[in-house]
Amino acid sequence: MLATASPVLQYVCGTSIRPGRRYVHGQATEYLQSNDIDWTESQKTVRESIAKICADYPDEYWHKLDSNHEFSLDLHQQLAKDGWLGICMPEEYGGSSLGISEAAVMMQTLSESGGGMAAASSVHMNIFGLEPVVKFATEEQKKRWLVPLIAGKERACFGVTEPNTGLDTLKLQSLATKTPDGQSYSVTGSKIWTSTAQTAEKILLLVRTTPLDQVQKPTQGLSLFYTDLDRSKVQVTEIEKMGRAAVDSNILFFDDWQVPKEDLIGDEGNGFKQIMAGMNAERVLIAAEALGLGFASIRRAAIYAQERVVFGRPIGKNQGIAHPLADSWMKLEAARLITYQAARMYDDGYQTGEYANACKYLAADAAFEAAERAVLTHGGMGYAKEYHVERYFREAMLPRLAPVSREMILNYIGERVLGLPRSY
C-alpha cells in the first residue's frame, strides 16, 4: 500500500527515509525479513543468523528431498556445527541457554525459508524433546546424553503415541518390566508416528512400568527412558504419508527390548509428569513452524500476484486475489503475536497451557488457510510442484493434527478457561 512514511514505518522497513515522502511497503514479500518491532535484539540476532544458513537451502533443495524422501543431514550438521541444536540447552553441556522465545524464532525461520515442516522437523526434537532430561535427569545422565546431542553426534526420536491409544496418553499399553537381576527393563509394545526413527540413534520412550489396573490414578505407573534405539529388537517401519516426505514417520514394534536401568529418567512411575514438562514448549514451537509455512505461502503468492499478468493487468490488482491474501496476512500476524506472547510466558515460568494451546490452534489454522490461498492464487500452476506452494499446502495440514488435535485444544480451553464441564 502507499502511505506517508511514519517513524514506525521507517523503523520497520529498516531504511533512513525522510518524513513526508511516500513509499510502497511490501514487507510480506521480503525473504526472511527481521524487522518485527516486537522482537528483542536477541530474537533478531537469531533470525538473521538462521536466515544466513537457510540461504544455502533454497526451495529447490527441499523439493528434491521431498521427492526422494531424503532426510536433510546437511542442515542438521550445519546447525550443529554452528551451535544451534542446543539453543535452549544449558551452556555447561554445549548449549546456549536461550529461551523458547529465541527457539521459536529459529523454528519459524527454518520453516519460512521454504523448508517448511521438513526443515523444522529435522531438528524439532532437539529443541524441546529433551526438556525432561534437562529438568529431571542426573548430572551423569545429562553429560552422557546432552553433549553428543547438542554436538550433532547423536540424533533422537520421540516414542510416546501408540496405535491403540492415540491422544489418550494415560492409556498407554507398552510395558517395561524389571529383569530378575534388577539391571535392566524388558520392554514390549509399540509406538506410532515416531519421527526420524530411520536415522535416530536414541529414543525418548514413555511406557508403563506398572499396569493401568494396578495404579490408583491413571497418571501413575508411567516411566520415562532415554536409551539407544536397538534395531536388533525394535522393528522400524516407515509410514507413507501426505506431506513432509523428507522427514520419516514410523511405527515401532518391540518385544523383550532390554533397556538398562541407568537409562531411566528420575524415579520410576513419574514419567507422565516428566513428559508434560515439554508439552507447552512443543506447542509454541509447532505454532512458530506453522507461522513460517504461512508466511512463506503469502510471500510466494504475493510475488506471483504482482508478476502474473492476465487480461492485460497483474492479477494482484483484482480484489478477489488481493483481499484473501491480505486477510491471511492479518490472521498470521495475529497468531504470531500470541505465539511469542506464549513463548515469553513459558520463559518466565508460566506453567498452565491456555496460551500455548491457543497459539498452536490459531497458527495452524492461519497457516493452512494461507497455504490454500497460495495454491489458489497460482491457479493451475499452484498444482505444479515447481512452484512449491503445493508442498506448503500438504505440509500445512500437519500442525492442525499434531501434536494435539484442534478439538482437544478446544476441550482444554472450554474446561480450563471457560469452566465448562468436561465432555469426555
Protein backbone atom coordinates (compact mmCIF):
# COMPACT_ATOMS: atom_id res chain seq x y z
CA MET A 1 0.00 0.00 0.00
CA LEU A 2 1.04 3.65 -0.37
CA ALA A 3 1.38 5.59 2.84
CA THR A 4 3.14 8.61 4.27
CA ALA A 5 6.31 7.33 5.91
CA SER A 6 5.97 7.50 9.69
CA PRO A 7 8.83 6.93 12.15
CA VAL A 8 7.41 3.48 12.88
CA LEU A 9 7.24 2.62 9.18
CA GLN A 10 10.79 3.90 8.70
CA TYR A 11 11.94 1.61 11.51
CA VAL A 12 10.03 -1.40 10.24
CA CYS A 13 11.37 -1.01 6.72
CA GLY A 14 14.88 -0.61 8.09
CA THR A 15 15.61 2.47 5.94
CA SER A 16 16.57 6.05 6.52
CA ILE A 17 13.71 7.53 4.51
CA ARG A 18 12.65 11.11 5.16
CA PRO A 19 9.25 12.03 6.63
CA GLY A 20 6.71 13.30 4.17
CA ARG A 21 7.69 11.03 1.27
CA ARG A 22 5.55 8.14 0.05
CA TYR A 23 6.87 4.58 -0.38
CA VAL A 24 5.47 1.22 -1.36
CA HIS A 25 5.60 -1.08 1.66
CA GLY A 26 5.88 -4.79 0.77
CA GLN A 27 7.23 -6.31 3.96
CA ALA A 28 5.43 -9.62 3.44
CA THR A 29 7.25 -10.21 0.14
CA GLU A 30 10.73 -9.82 1.67
CA TYR A 31 12.70 -13.02 2.17
CA LEU A 32 13.02 -13.65 5.93
CA GLN A 33 12.71 -10.01 6.94
CA SER A 34 13.86 -9.34 10.50
CA ASN A 35 12.03 -6.13 11.29
CA ASP A 36 9.22 -7.31 13.55
CA ILE A 37 9.16 -4.47 16.04
CA ASP A 38 8.12 -6.65 18.99
CA TRP A 39 11.19 -8.89 18.74
CA THR A 40 14.09 -8.39 21.13
CA GLU A 41 17.63 -7.88 19.91
CA SER A 42 18.36 -11.48 20.84
CA GLN A 43 15.47 -12.71 18.69
CA LYS A 44 16.58 -10.55 15.76
CA THR A 45 20.10 -11.93 16.05
CA VAL A 46 18.73 -15.47 15.91
CA ARG A 47 16.58 -14.55 12.90
CA GLU A 48 19.48 -13.06 10.96
CA SER A 49 21.86 -15.90 11.81
CA ILE A 50 19.45 -18.68 10.86
CA ALA A 51 18.42 -16.79 7.71
CA LYS A 52 22.04 -16.85 6.54
CA ILE A 53 22.14 -20.63 6.99
CA CYS A 54 18.81 -21.05 5.23
CA ALA A 55 20.12 -19.18 2.19
CA ASP A 56 22.12 -22.33 1.39
CA TYR A 57 18.93 -24.41 1.26
CA PRO A 58 16.52 -22.94 -1.31
CA ASP A 59 13.10 -24.28 -2.22
CA GLU A 60 14.61 -26.43 -4.94
CA TYR A 61 16.70 -28.26 -2.32
CA TRP A 62 13.60 -29.11 -0.28
CA HIS A 63 11.64 -30.08 -3.39
CA LYS A 64 14.36 -32.61 -4.22
CA LEU A 65 14.42 -34.06 -0.71
CA ASP A 66 10.63 -34.23 -0.63
CA SER A 67 10.58 -36.09 -3.94
CA ASN A 68 13.32 -38.50 -2.86
CA HIS A 69 12.06 -38.97 0.73
CA GLU A 70 15.52 -37.95 1.91
CA PHE A 71 16.39 -36.53 5.35
CA SER A 72 18.47 -33.33 5.44
CA LEU A 73 21.63 -34.44 7.19
CA ASP A 74 23.37 -31.38 5.71
CA LEU A 75 21.16 -28.88 7.53
CA HIS A 76 21.28 -30.90 10.76
CA GLN A 77 25.08 -30.94 10.71
CA GLN A 78 25.41 -27.25 9.80
CA LEU A 79 23.11 -26.24 12.65
CA ALA A 80 25.11 -28.49 14.98
CA LYS A 81 28.42 -27.05 13.80
CA ASP A 82 27.22 -23.52 14.48
CA GLY A 83 25.85 -24.48 17.92
CA TRP A 84 22.14 -24.09 17.19
CA LEU A 85 20.97 -27.57 18.21
CA GLY A 86 21.44 -26.61 21.84
CA ILE A 87 19.72 -23.24 21.66
CA CYS A 88 17.64 -23.97 24.80
CA MET A 89 20.11 -26.33 26.49
CA PRO A 90 22.39 -25.37 29.41
CA GLU A 91 25.75 -23.90 28.46
CA GLU A 92 27.71 -26.46 30.51
CA TYR A 93 26.68 -29.16 28.03
CA GLY A 94 27.40 -27.11 24.92
CA GLY A 95 24.09 -25.26 24.67
CA SER A 96 23.26 -21.56 24.53
CA SER A 97 20.82 -21.27 27.46
CA LEU A 98 18.43 -19.16 25.41
CA GLY A 99 14.68 -19.35 25.80
CA ILE A 100 11.75 -20.74 23.86
CA SER A 101 11.27 -17.16 22.61
CA GLU A 102 14.52 -17.44 20.66
CA ALA A 103 13.94 -21.08 19.71
CA ALA A 104 10.56 -20.15 18.22
CA VAL A 105 12.25 -17.57 16.00
CA MET A 106 14.70 -20.23 14.87
CA MET A 107 11.95 -22.71 14.01
CA GLN A 108 9.79 -20.11 12.27
CA THR A 109 12.78 -19.05 10.17
CA LEU A 110 13.67 -22.60 9.14
CA SER A 111 10.08 -23.16 8.03
CA GLU A 112 9.59 -19.73 6.47
CA SER A 113 12.72 -20.12 4.34
CA GLY A 114 10.79 -22.59 2.21
CA GLY A 115 11.95 -25.65 4.10
CA GLY A 116 8.59 -25.86 5.84
CA MET A 117 7.92 -28.70 8.24
CA ALA A 118 10.68 -30.76 6.64
CA ALA A 119 13.36 -28.28 7.70
CA ALA A 120 11.84 -27.64 11.11
CA SER A 121 11.18 -31.30 11.90
CA SER A 122 14.77 -32.25 11.13
CA VAL A 123 15.80 -30.53 14.39
CA HIS A 124 12.46 -30.16 16.22
CA MET A 125 13.16 -32.96 18.71
CA ASN A 126 16.46 -31.41 19.73
CA ILE A 127 14.85 -28.15 20.74
CA PHE A 128 12.07 -29.28 23.07
CA GLY A 129 12.23 -33.06 23.33
CA LEU A 130 14.92 -33.41 25.97
CA GLU A 131 13.41 -30.89 28.35
CA PRO A 132 12.65 -33.81 30.73
CA VAL A 133 16.34 -34.71 30.66
CA VAL A 134 17.33 -31.14 31.49
CA LYS A 135 14.87 -30.97 34.37
CA PHE A 136 14.86 -34.48 35.83
CA ALA A 137 17.99 -36.40 34.79
CA THR A 138 21.07 -36.85 36.97
CA GLU A 139 24.25 -34.93 36.28
CA GLU A 140 25.87 -38.06 34.87
CA GLN A 141 22.93 -38.64 32.52
CA LYS A 142 22.94 -35.04 31.29
CA LYS A 143 26.62 -35.24 30.39
CA ARG A 144 26.15 -38.61 28.73
CA TRP A 145 23.09 -37.59 26.72
CA LEU A 146 23.05 -33.85 26.11
CA VAL A 147 26.64 -33.31 24.99
CA PRO A 148 26.54 -35.64 21.94
CA LEU A 149 23.03 -34.50 21.03
CA ILE A 150 23.97 -30.83 21.01
CA ALA A 151 27.17 -31.58 19.08
CA GLY A 152 25.16 -33.35 16.40
CA LYS A 153 26.87 -36.68 17.01
CA GLU A 154 23.59 -38.32 18.03
CA ARG A 155 20.01 -37.80 16.88
CA ALA A 156 16.93 -38.59 18.94
CA CYS A 157 13.33 -39.52 18.27
CA PHE A 158 10.21 -39.39 20.43
CA GLY A 159 8.27 -42.52 21.39
CA VAL A 160 5.00 -41.68 23.14
CA THR A 161 1.93 -42.17 20.93
CA GLU A 162 0.68 -45.72 20.46
CA PRO A 163 -1.53 -47.27 17.75
CA ASN A 164 -4.37 -48.22 20.09
CA THR A 165 -4.44 -45.15 22.35
CA GLY A 166 -3.78 -42.07 20.19
CA LEU A 167 -4.09 -38.89 22.26
CA ASP A 168 -5.15 -40.83 25.37
CA THR A 169 -1.61 -40.98 26.76
CA LEU A 170 -2.71 -42.30 30.15
CA LYS A 171 -3.93 -45.49 28.47
CA LEU A 172 -0.52 -46.44 27.05
CA GLN A 173 -0.09 -50.20 26.83
CA SER A 174 3.64 -50.68 26.20
CA LEU A 175 5.11 -52.24 29.31
CA ALA A 176 8.58 -52.24 30.85
CA THR A 177 9.24 -55.00 33.41
CA LYS A 178 12.37 -55.01 35.54
CA THR A 179 14.50 -58.09 34.93
CA PRO A 180 15.25 -60.52 37.81
CA ASP A 181 18.80 -59.19 38.26
CA GLY A 182 17.44 -55.60 38.54
CA GLN A 183 19.96 -54.29 35.99
CA SER A 184 17.57 -53.59 33.12
CA TYR A 185 13.97 -53.48 31.94
CA SER A 186 12.37 -55.77 29.38
CA VAL A 187 10.19 -53.55 27.20
CA THR A 188 7.39 -54.85 24.97
CA GLY A 189 4.87 -52.90 22.93
CA SER A 190 4.60 -50.45 20.04
CA LYS A 191 4.76 -46.76 19.14
CA ILE A 192 3.42 -44.84 16.17
CA TRP A 193 4.15 -41.53 14.43
CA THR A 194 7.71 -41.62 15.70
CA SER A 195 9.52 -39.10 13.51
CA THR A 196 13.15 -39.53 12.38
CA ALA A 197 13.38 -43.10 13.73
CA GLN A 198 15.00 -44.18 10.45
CA THR A 199 18.12 -42.17 11.29
CA ALA A 200 17.99 -41.63 15.07
CA GLU A 201 20.40 -43.32 17.46
CA LYS A 202 18.40 -42.50 20.60
CA ILE A 203 14.77 -42.51 21.66
CA LEU A 204 12.87 -40.76 24.46
CA LEU A 205 10.46 -43.52 25.45
CA LEU A 206 7.35 -43.33 27.65
CA VAL A 207 5.99 -46.71 28.78
CA ARG A 208 4.16 -48.26 31.70
CA THR A 209 6.20 -49.83 34.47
CA THR A 210 3.04 -50.55 36.44
CA PRO A 211 -0.06 -51.81 34.58
CA LEU A 212 -3.01 -49.45 34.47
CA ASP A 213 -5.22 -51.75 36.54
CA GLN A 214 -2.68 -51.71 39.38
CA VAL A 215 -2.45 -47.94 39.97
CA GLN A 216 -4.73 -45.65 41.95
CA LYS A 217 -4.58 -42.85 39.34
CA PRO A 218 -4.02 -43.17 35.58
CA THR A 219 -1.16 -40.66 35.81
CA GLN A 220 0.77 -43.11 37.97
CA GLY A 221 2.88 -46.01 36.74
CA LEU A 222 4.30 -44.37 33.61
CA SER A 223 8.09 -44.13 33.35
CA LEU A 224 10.38 -42.24 31.00
CA PHE A 225 13.58 -43.60 29.46
CA TYR A 226 16.20 -42.15 27.16
CA THR A 227 18.02 -45.02 25.55
CA ASP A 228 19.66 -46.49 22.46
CA LEU A 229 17.27 -47.35 19.64
CA ASP A 230 18.33 -51.01 19.43
CA ARG A 231 17.38 -52.04 15.90
CA SER A 232 18.01 -55.69 16.67
CA LYS A 233 14.99 -55.52 18.99
CA VAL A 234 12.96 -52.67 17.51
CA GLN A 235 11.26 -53.04 14.15
CA VAL A 236 11.02 -49.61 12.49
CA THR A 237 8.60 -49.31 9.57
CA GLU A 238 8.09 -46.03 7.73
CA ILE A 239 4.55 -44.76 7.20
CA GLU A 240 3.72 -43.37 3.76
CA LYS A 241 2.02 -40.05 4.28
CA MET A 242 0.61 -36.91 2.70
CA GLY A 243 3.41 -34.41 3.27
CA ARG A 244 6.79 -33.78 4.91
CA ALA A 245 8.18 -36.72 2.96
CA ALA A 246 11.76 -35.63 3.68
CA VAL A 247 11.27 -36.49 7.36
CA ASP A 248 10.24 -40.07 8.06
CA SER A 249 7.34 -41.03 10.34
CA ASN A 250 7.29 -44.57 11.65
CA ILE A 251 5.56 -47.31 13.54
CA LEU A 252 7.73 -49.22 16.02
CA PHE A 253 7.25 -52.74 17.34
CA PHE A 254 9.43 -54.21 20.10
CA ASP A 255 9.50 -57.34 22.22
CA ASP A 256 11.86 -58.08 25.11
CA TRP A 257 13.87 -54.97 24.35
CA GLN A 258 16.49 -54.70 27.08
CA VAL A 259 16.78 -51.13 28.39
CA PRO A 260 19.46 -50.51 31.07
CA LYS A 261 18.23 -49.18 34.42
CA GLU A 262 20.74 -46.34 34.01
CA ASP A 263 18.56 -45.01 31.18
CA LEU A 264 15.54 -44.40 33.43
CA ILE A 265 14.92 -40.67 33.94
CA GLY A 266 14.14 -39.76 37.55
CA ASP A 267 12.01 -42.08 39.64
CA GLU A 268 10.02 -44.97 38.27
CA GLY A 269 6.36 -44.07 37.84
CA ASN A 270 6.87 -40.32 37.38
CA GLY A 271 7.07 -40.35 33.60
CA PHE A 272 3.79 -38.57 32.90
CA LYS A 273 4.79 -35.56 35.00
CA GLN A 274 8.18 -35.51 33.31
CA ILE A 275 6.88 -35.73 29.76
CA MET A 276 4.46 -32.89 30.42
CA ALA A 277 7.40 -30.61 31.19
CA GLY A 278 7.99 -30.13 27.49
CA MET A 279 4.45 -30.10 26.13
CA ASN A 280 3.77 -26.34 26.29
CA ALA A 281 7.14 -25.64 24.70
CA GLU A 282 6.35 -28.03 21.87
CA ARG A 283 3.03 -26.35 21.17
CA VAL A 284 4.75 -22.96 20.92
CA LEU A 285 7.40 -24.32 18.57
CA ILE A 286 4.82 -26.06 16.37
CA ALA A 287 2.94 -22.77 16.19
CA ALA A 288 6.10 -20.98 15.10
CA GLU A 289 6.77 -23.61 12.44
CA ALA A 290 3.22 -23.25 11.14
CA LEU A 291 3.65 -19.48 11.01
CA GLY A 292 6.75 -19.96 8.89
CA LEU A 293 4.81 -22.03 6.39
CA GLY A 294 2.02 -19.47 6.33
CA PHE A 295 4.32 -16.51 5.74
CA ALA A 296 6.24 -18.42 3.06
CA SER A 297 2.94 -19.14 1.33
CA ILE A 298 1.87 -15.50 1.43
CA ARG A 299 5.28 -14.39 0.18
CA ARG A 300 5.15 -16.63 -2.87
CA ALA A 301 1.51 -15.81 -3.56
CA ALA A 302 2.00 -12.04 -3.32
CA ILE A 303 5.05 -12.08 -5.60
CA TYR A 304 3.23 -14.24 -8.13
CA ALA A 305 0.19 -11.95 -8.00
CA GLN A 306 2.43 -8.98 -8.78
CA GLU A 307 4.14 -10.68 -11.71
CA ARG A 308 1.37 -12.75 -13.30
CA VAL A 309 -0.43 -10.72 -15.97
CA VAL A 310 -3.83 -11.85 -17.28
CA PHE A 311 -6.19 -9.72 -19.38
CA GLY A 312 -3.52 -7.05 -19.53
CA ARG A 313 -3.14 -6.48 -15.79
CA PRO A 314 -1.38 -8.10 -12.81
CA ILE A 315 -3.80 -10.49 -11.13
CA GLY A 316 -2.95 -8.83 -7.80
CA LYS A 317 -4.97 -5.82 -8.97
CA ASN A 318 -8.08 -7.92 -8.55
CA GLN A 319 -9.59 -7.72 -5.07
CA GLY A 320 -10.60 -11.36 -5.41
CA ILE A 321 -6.87 -12.14 -5.27
CA ALA A 322 -5.65 -9.33 -3.02
CA HIS A 323 -8.25 -9.48 -0.27
CA PRO A 324 -7.86 -13.16 0.69
CA LEU A 325 -4.08 -12.71 0.87
CA ALA A 326 -4.47 -9.57 2.99
CA ASP A 327 -6.88 -11.44 5.25
CA SER A 328 -4.39 -14.28 5.64
CA TRP A 329 -1.54 -11.92 6.50
CA MET A 330 -3.62 -10.35 9.27
CA LYS A 331 -4.56 -13.76 10.67
CA LEU A 332 -0.95 -14.93 10.57
CA GLU A 333 0.27 -11.77 12.24
CA ALA A 334 -2.34 -12.08 14.99
CA ALA A 335 -1.31 -15.70 15.53
CA ARG A 336 2.34 -14.63 15.56
CA LEU A 337 1.70 -12.14 18.34
CA ILE A 338 0.02 -14.67 20.62
CA THR A 339 2.71 -17.25 19.78
CA TYR A 340 5.51 -15.01 21.01
CA GLN A 341 3.42 -13.96 23.98
CA ALA A 342 3.08 -17.64 24.88
CA ALA A 343 6.83 -18.09 24.41
CA ARG A 344 7.63 -15.22 26.75
CA MET A 345 5.23 -16.57 29.34
CA TYR A 346 6.86 -20.01 29.15
CA ASP A 347 10.31 -18.49 29.58
CA ASP A 348 9.02 -16.53 32.59
CA GLY A 349 7.85 -19.75 34.25
CA TYR A 350 4.15 -19.66 33.42
CA GLN A 351 3.05 -23.30 33.61
CA THR A 352 -0.59 -23.61 32.56
CA GLY A 353 -1.27 -24.26 28.90
CA GLU A 354 -4.03 -21.97 27.66
CA TYR A 355 -1.74 -19.64 25.69
CA ALA A 356 0.48 -22.42 24.37
CA ASN A 357 -2.58 -24.33 23.16
CA ALA A 358 -4.27 -21.23 21.76
CA CYS A 359 -1.26 -20.17 19.71
CA LYS A 360 -0.87 -23.64 18.24
CA TYR A 361 -4.55 -23.71 17.26
CA LEU A 362 -4.57 -20.22 15.72
CA ALA A 363 -1.23 -20.51 13.93
CA ALA A 364 -2.08 -23.90 12.44
CA ASP A 365 -5.42 -22.70 11.07
CA ALA A 366 -3.97 -19.46 9.72
CA ALA A 367 -1.11 -21.29 8.02
CA PHE A 368 -3.38 -23.87 6.42
CA GLU A 369 -5.66 -21.18 5.01
CA ALA A 370 -2.69 -19.16 3.77
CA ALA A 371 -1.22 -22.19 2.01
CA GLU A 372 -4.54 -23.00 0.39
CA ARG A 373 -4.90 -19.43 -0.81
CA ALA A 374 -1.35 -19.50 -2.19
CA VAL A 375 -2.27 -22.52 -4.30
CA LEU A 376 -5.46 -20.83 -5.49
CA THR A 377 -3.59 -17.61 -6.30
CA HIS A 378 -1.30 -19.59 -8.58
CA GLY A 379 -4.29 -21.19 -10.30
CA GLY A 380 -3.32 -24.29 -12.25
CA MET A 381 0.35 -23.58 -11.59
CA GLY A 382 -0.34 -23.97 -7.90
CA TYR A 383 -0.88 -27.65 -8.59
CA ALA A 384 2.59 -27.94 -10.14
CA LYS A 385 5.46 -28.90 -7.87
CA GLU A 386 7.89 -26.44 -9.45
CA TYR A 387 6.03 -23.55 -7.77
CA HIS A 388 6.40 -25.16 -4.32
CA VAL A 389 3.10 -23.95 -2.86
CA GLU A 390 1.52 -27.39 -3.26
CA ARG A 391 4.26 -28.71 -0.93
CA TYR A 392 3.49 -25.97 1.58
CA PHE A 393 -0.19 -26.90 1.38
CA ARG A 394 0.47 -30.59 2.01
CA GLU A 395 2.70 -29.81 4.97
CA ALA A 396 0.32 -27.21 6.42
CA MET A 397 -2.09 -30.00 7.36
CA LEU A 398 0.39 -31.40 9.89
CA PRO A 399 0.25 -28.61 12.52
CA ARG A 400 -3.54 -28.93 12.58
CA LEU A 401 -3.26 -32.60 13.54
CA ALA A 402 -0.19 -32.84 15.74
CA PRO A 403 0.93 -32.99 18.46
CA VAL A 404 -2.61 -32.41 19.69
CA SER A 405 -5.81 -32.08 17.69
CA ARG A 406 -7.81 -28.88 17.29
CA GLU A 407 -10.72 -30.48 19.11
CA MET A 408 -8.64 -31.39 22.17
CA ILE A 409 -7.42 -27.80 22.35
CA LEU A 410 -10.99 -26.55 22.28
CA ASN A 411 -11.80 -29.05 25.02
CA TYR A 412 -8.90 -27.71 27.09
CA ILE A 413 -9.94 -24.08 26.68
CA GLY A 414 -13.58 -24.89 27.37
CA GLU A 415 -12.74 -26.72 30.57
CA ARG A 416 -9.76 -24.79 31.94
CA VAL A 417 -10.55 -21.24 30.82
CA LEU A 418 -14.35 -21.17 30.50
CA GLY A 419 -15.02 -23.51 33.41
CA LEU A 420 -17.32 -25.74 31.38
CA PRO A 421 -17.87 -29.40 32.28
CA ARG A 422 -15.58 -31.96 30.70
CA SER A 423 -17.09 -33.59 27.62
CA TYR A 424 -15.04 -36.79 27.50
